[in-house]
Amino acid sequence: QAPMWMLVLLVAFAGIGLNDKVWLPFSIQPAMGGLMFLHVGRLMKEKGILEEDIRQMPVGVLGLGLLVWVLAVFFQSLGMHANSYKGVAAVLGAMAATYFIVQLSKPLYRVPVLGPFLNWCGKNSIFIYCFHAIDRNVLFQIKSVVLKFFALPSTKGALLFSVIRLTGVVAAAFLFVMIKKYIGNMIKQKA
């Protein structure tokens, strides 16, 4: 029986390798490449790596992870949505970045209003991502509203544009989650 990591890499490399040769519907190929991240996340959860304090991690590992992350930011590129991985350093940099962002975000969870909001966003990130994909369709309408107040490119106009998009996406995801819960409760009451 083959180890799980070997199967994950085989499927991921097949998805990445076939990206320009074969088209599969429903974003199957990006999902195949994404298996690497899913598997690494599962392993990190099993080993309790994300729950450990960052100070418990060996300094050499932290330094290497930070170096790979910085190098990936400046010299590599990764587009999971397009199944585009420009080298191993891009993949390792994304994994290192995830680790550092999780560790550096932990103190934010203790902030009274921000903590519960971030927790909700984490639990409902798939819905937020879905509405973010949809908001690209209303992008030009938002841009026309912003252009009435600020000429782009301008810092204030770009900031307003981003705030409007972010607020709309999170509000739509929140509304969707509330409707989903309401329908779920109605089904439970009927059963």
Protein backbone atom coordinates (compact mmCIF):
# COMPACT_ATOMS: atom_id res chain seq x y z
CA GLN A 1 0.00 0.00 0.00
CA ALA A 2 1.41 3.41 -1.04
CA PRO A 3 1.83 6.10 1.62
CA MET A 4 -0.71 8.91 1.53
CA TRP A 5 1.88 11.63 0.83
CA MET A 6 2.98 9.73 -2.28
CA LEU A 7 -0.59 9.50 -3.60
CA VAL A 8 -1.18 13.19 -2.85
CA LEU A 9 1.96 14.22 -4.74
CA LEU A 10 1.10 11.93 -7.65
CA VAL A 11 -2.39 13.44 -8.01
CA ALA A 12 -1.10 17.00 -7.51
CA PHE A 13 1.69 16.65 -10.07
CA ALA A 14 -0.71 15.02 -12.54
CA GLY A 15 -3.12 17.94 -12.16
CA ILE A 16 -0.35 20.51 -12.55
CA GLY A 17 1.31 18.67 -15.43
CA LEU A 18 -1.93 18.27 -17.39
CA ASN A 19 -2.95 21.90 -16.88
CA ASP A 20 -2.04 23.09 -20.38
CA LYS A 21 -2.78 19.81 -22.13
CA VAL A 22 -6.21 18.70 -20.90
CA TRP A 23 -9.19 20.69 -19.67
CA LEU A 24 -11.22 19.17 -16.83
CA PRO A 25 -14.49 20.83 -15.72
CA PHE A 26 -15.39 22.20 -12.27
CA SER A 27 -11.80 23.35 -11.54
CA ILE A 28 -10.73 19.77 -10.96
CA GLN A 29 -7.11 20.48 -11.90
CA PRO A 30 -6.61 23.32 -9.39
CA ALA A 31 -8.23 21.07 -6.80
CA MET A 32 -5.74 18.32 -7.66
CA GLY A 33 -2.86 20.75 -7.10
CA GLY A 34 -4.51 22.03 -3.92
CA LEU A 35 -4.36 18.54 -2.43
CA MET A 36 -0.76 19.28 -1.43
CA PHE A 37 -1.88 22.14 0.80
CA LEU A 38 -4.81 20.18 2.19
CA HIS A 39 -2.55 17.26 3.08
CA VAL A 40 0.11 19.45 4.68
CA GLY A 41 -2.58 21.28 6.67
CA ARG A 42 -4.00 17.96 7.88
CA LEU A 43 -0.54 16.80 8.94
CA MET A 44 0.11 20.08 10.76
CA LYS A 45 -3.20 19.70 12.57
CA GLU A 46 -2.49 16.07 13.52
CA LYS A 47 0.96 17.00 14.86
CA GLY A 48 -0.40 20.10 16.64
CA ILE A 49 2.12 22.36 14.91
CA LEU A 50 -0.26 25.30 14.49
CA GLU A 51 -1.40 25.06 18.12
CA GLU A 52 2.16 25.20 19.46
CA ASP A 53 3.65 28.52 20.45
CA ILE A 54 5.99 29.88 17.79
CA ARG A 55 8.77 30.02 20.40
CA GLN A 56 8.69 26.21 20.64
CA MET A 57 9.70 25.88 16.98
CA PRO A 58 13.47 25.48 16.43
CA VAL A 59 15.09 28.77 15.41
CA GLY A 60 16.71 27.19 12.35
CA VAL A 61 13.35 25.96 11.05
CA LEU A 62 11.79 29.39 11.62
CA GLY A 63 14.68 31.12 9.86
CA LEU A 64 14.54 28.74 6.91
CA GLY A 65 10.75 29.12 6.66
CA LEU A 66 11.01 32.90 6.75
CA LEU A 67 13.76 32.86 4.11
CA VAL A 68 11.73 30.60 1.79
CA TRP A 69 8.66 32.81 2.26
CA VAL A 70 10.56 36.02 1.44
CA LEU A 71 12.28 34.43 -1.57
CA ALA A 72 8.93 33.14 -2.83
CA VAL A 73 7.38 36.61 -2.48
CA PHE A 74 10.09 38.24 -4.59
CA PHE A 75 11.14 35.54 -7.05
CA GLN A 76 8.35 32.98 -7.37
CA SER A 77 4.69 33.02 -8.24
CA LEU A 78 1.80 30.82 -7.32
CA GLY A 79 -1.73 31.00 -8.67
CA MET A 80 -3.68 28.17 -7.13
CA HIS A 81 -6.87 29.33 -8.87
CA ALA A 82 -5.15 28.90 -12.25
CA ASN A 83 -3.16 25.81 -11.19
CA SER A 84 0.03 27.79 -11.79
CA TYR A 85 3.00 26.82 -9.66
CA LYS A 86 6.34 28.36 -10.66
CA GLY A 87 8.62 26.01 -8.79
CA VAL A 88 8.96 24.17 -5.52
CA ALA A 89 10.00 27.36 -3.70
CA ALA A 90 6.58 28.89 -4.50
CA VAL A 91 4.78 25.94 -2.91
CA LEU A 92 7.08 25.83 0.13
CA GLY A 93 6.84 29.62 0.44
CA ALA A 94 3.03 29.43 0.50
CA MET A 95 3.17 26.78 3.22
CA ALA A 96 5.67 28.79 5.27
CA ALA A 97 3.59 31.94 4.80
CA THR A 98 0.50 30.15 6.06
CA TYR A 99 2.36 29.00 9.18
CA PHE A 100 3.68 32.49 9.97
CA ILE A 101 0.37 34.22 9.28
CA VAL A 102 -1.46 31.78 11.57
CA GLN A 103 1.13 32.26 14.33
CA LEU A 104 1.22 36.05 14.00
CA SER A 105 -2.60 36.23 13.94
CA LYS A 106 -3.10 34.40 17.24
CA PRO A 107 -2.93 37.56 19.40
CA LEU A 108 -5.69 39.12 17.26
CA TYR A 109 -8.14 36.48 18.50
CA ARG A 110 -7.94 38.01 21.99
CA VAL A 111 -9.15 41.42 20.74
CA PRO A 112 -12.84 41.63 21.83
CA VAL A 113 -14.70 42.36 18.57
CA LEU A 114 -11.99 41.44 16.08
CA GLY A 115 -11.39 37.95 17.52
CA PRO A 116 -14.93 36.62 17.08
CA PHE A 117 -15.15 38.24 13.63
CA LEU A 118 -11.92 36.57 12.47
CA ASN A 119 -13.10 33.27 13.95
CA TRP A 120 -16.37 33.55 12.00
CA CYS A 121 -14.44 34.40 8.81
CA GLY A 122 -12.22 31.36 9.28
CA LYS A 123 -15.16 29.03 9.75
CA ASN A 124 -17.01 30.47 6.76
CA SER A 125 -14.07 31.20 4.47
CA ILE A 126 -15.42 29.00 1.68
CA PHE A 127 -18.58 31.14 1.48
CA ILE A 128 -16.51 34.33 1.57
CA TYR A 129 -14.36 32.99 -1.25
CA CYS A 130 -17.43 32.04 -3.30
CA PHE A 131 -18.92 35.52 -2.97
CA HIS A 132 -15.51 37.01 -3.76
CA ALA A 133 -15.57 35.04 -7.03
CA ILE A 134 -19.07 36.37 -7.73
CA ASP A 135 -18.19 39.99 -6.88
CA ARG A 136 -15.94 40.14 -9.93
CA ASN A 137 -19.17 40.29 -11.94
CA VAL A 138 -20.28 43.47 -10.16
CA LEU A 139 -16.78 44.94 -10.18
CA PHE A 140 -17.48 47.48 -12.89
CA GLN A 141 -20.62 48.79 -11.16
CA ILE A 142 -18.65 49.35 -7.96
CA LYS A 143 -15.86 51.01 -9.93
CA SER A 144 -18.30 53.43 -11.57
CA VAL A 145 -19.60 54.47 -8.12
CA VAL A 146 -16.06 55.03 -6.81
CA LEU A 147 -15.10 57.01 -9.93
CA LYS A 148 -17.86 59.53 -9.14
CA PHE A 149 -15.92 60.53 -6.02
CA PHE A 150 -12.26 59.82 -6.83
CA ALA A 151 -10.26 59.56 -10.02
CA LEU A 152 -8.39 56.29 -10.23
CA PRO A 153 -5.62 55.56 -9.70
CA SER A 154 -5.64 57.29 -6.35
CA THR A 155 -4.93 55.92 -2.91
CA LYS A 156 -8.29 57.06 -1.50
CA GLY A 157 -10.20 55.72 -4.50
CA ALA A 158 -8.43 52.35 -4.38
CA LEU A 159 -9.01 52.12 -0.62
CA LEU A 160 -12.71 52.97 -0.98
CA PHE A 161 -13.01 50.47 -3.84
CA SER A 162 -11.43 47.72 -1.70
CA VAL A 163 -13.55 48.55 1.36
CA ILE A 164 -16.77 48.45 -0.68
CA ARG A 165 -15.84 45.10 -2.22
CA LEU A 166 -14.76 43.57 1.09
CA THR A 167 -17.85 44.79 2.91
CA GLY A 168 -20.14 43.48 0.17
CA VAL A 169 -18.46 40.08 0.07
CA VAL A 170 -18.53 39.60 3.86
CA ALA A 171 -22.12 40.87 4.10
CA ALA A 172 -23.25 38.50 1.33
CA ALA A 173 -21.48 35.57 3.01
CA PHE A 174 -23.05 36.49 6.38
CA LEU A 175 -26.51 36.67 4.83
CA PHE A 176 -25.96 33.33 3.09
CA VAL A 177 -24.86 31.65 6.34
CA MET A 178 -27.92 33.06 8.18
CA ILE A 179 -30.29 31.80 5.45
CA LYS A 180 -28.54 28.42 5.47
CA LYS A 181 -28.98 28.14 9.25
CA TYR A 182 -32.62 29.21 9.03
CA ILE A 183 -33.40 26.61 6.35
CA GLY A 184 -31.46 23.98 8.31
CA ASN A 185 -33.50 24.73 11.45
CA MET A 186 -36.77 24.53 9.48
CA ILE A 187 -35.78 21.12 8.09
CA LYS A 188 -34.89 19.86 11.58
CA GLN A 189 -38.24 21.03 12.97
CA LYS A 190 -40.16 19.21 10.23
CA ALA A 191 -38.21 15.98 10.76
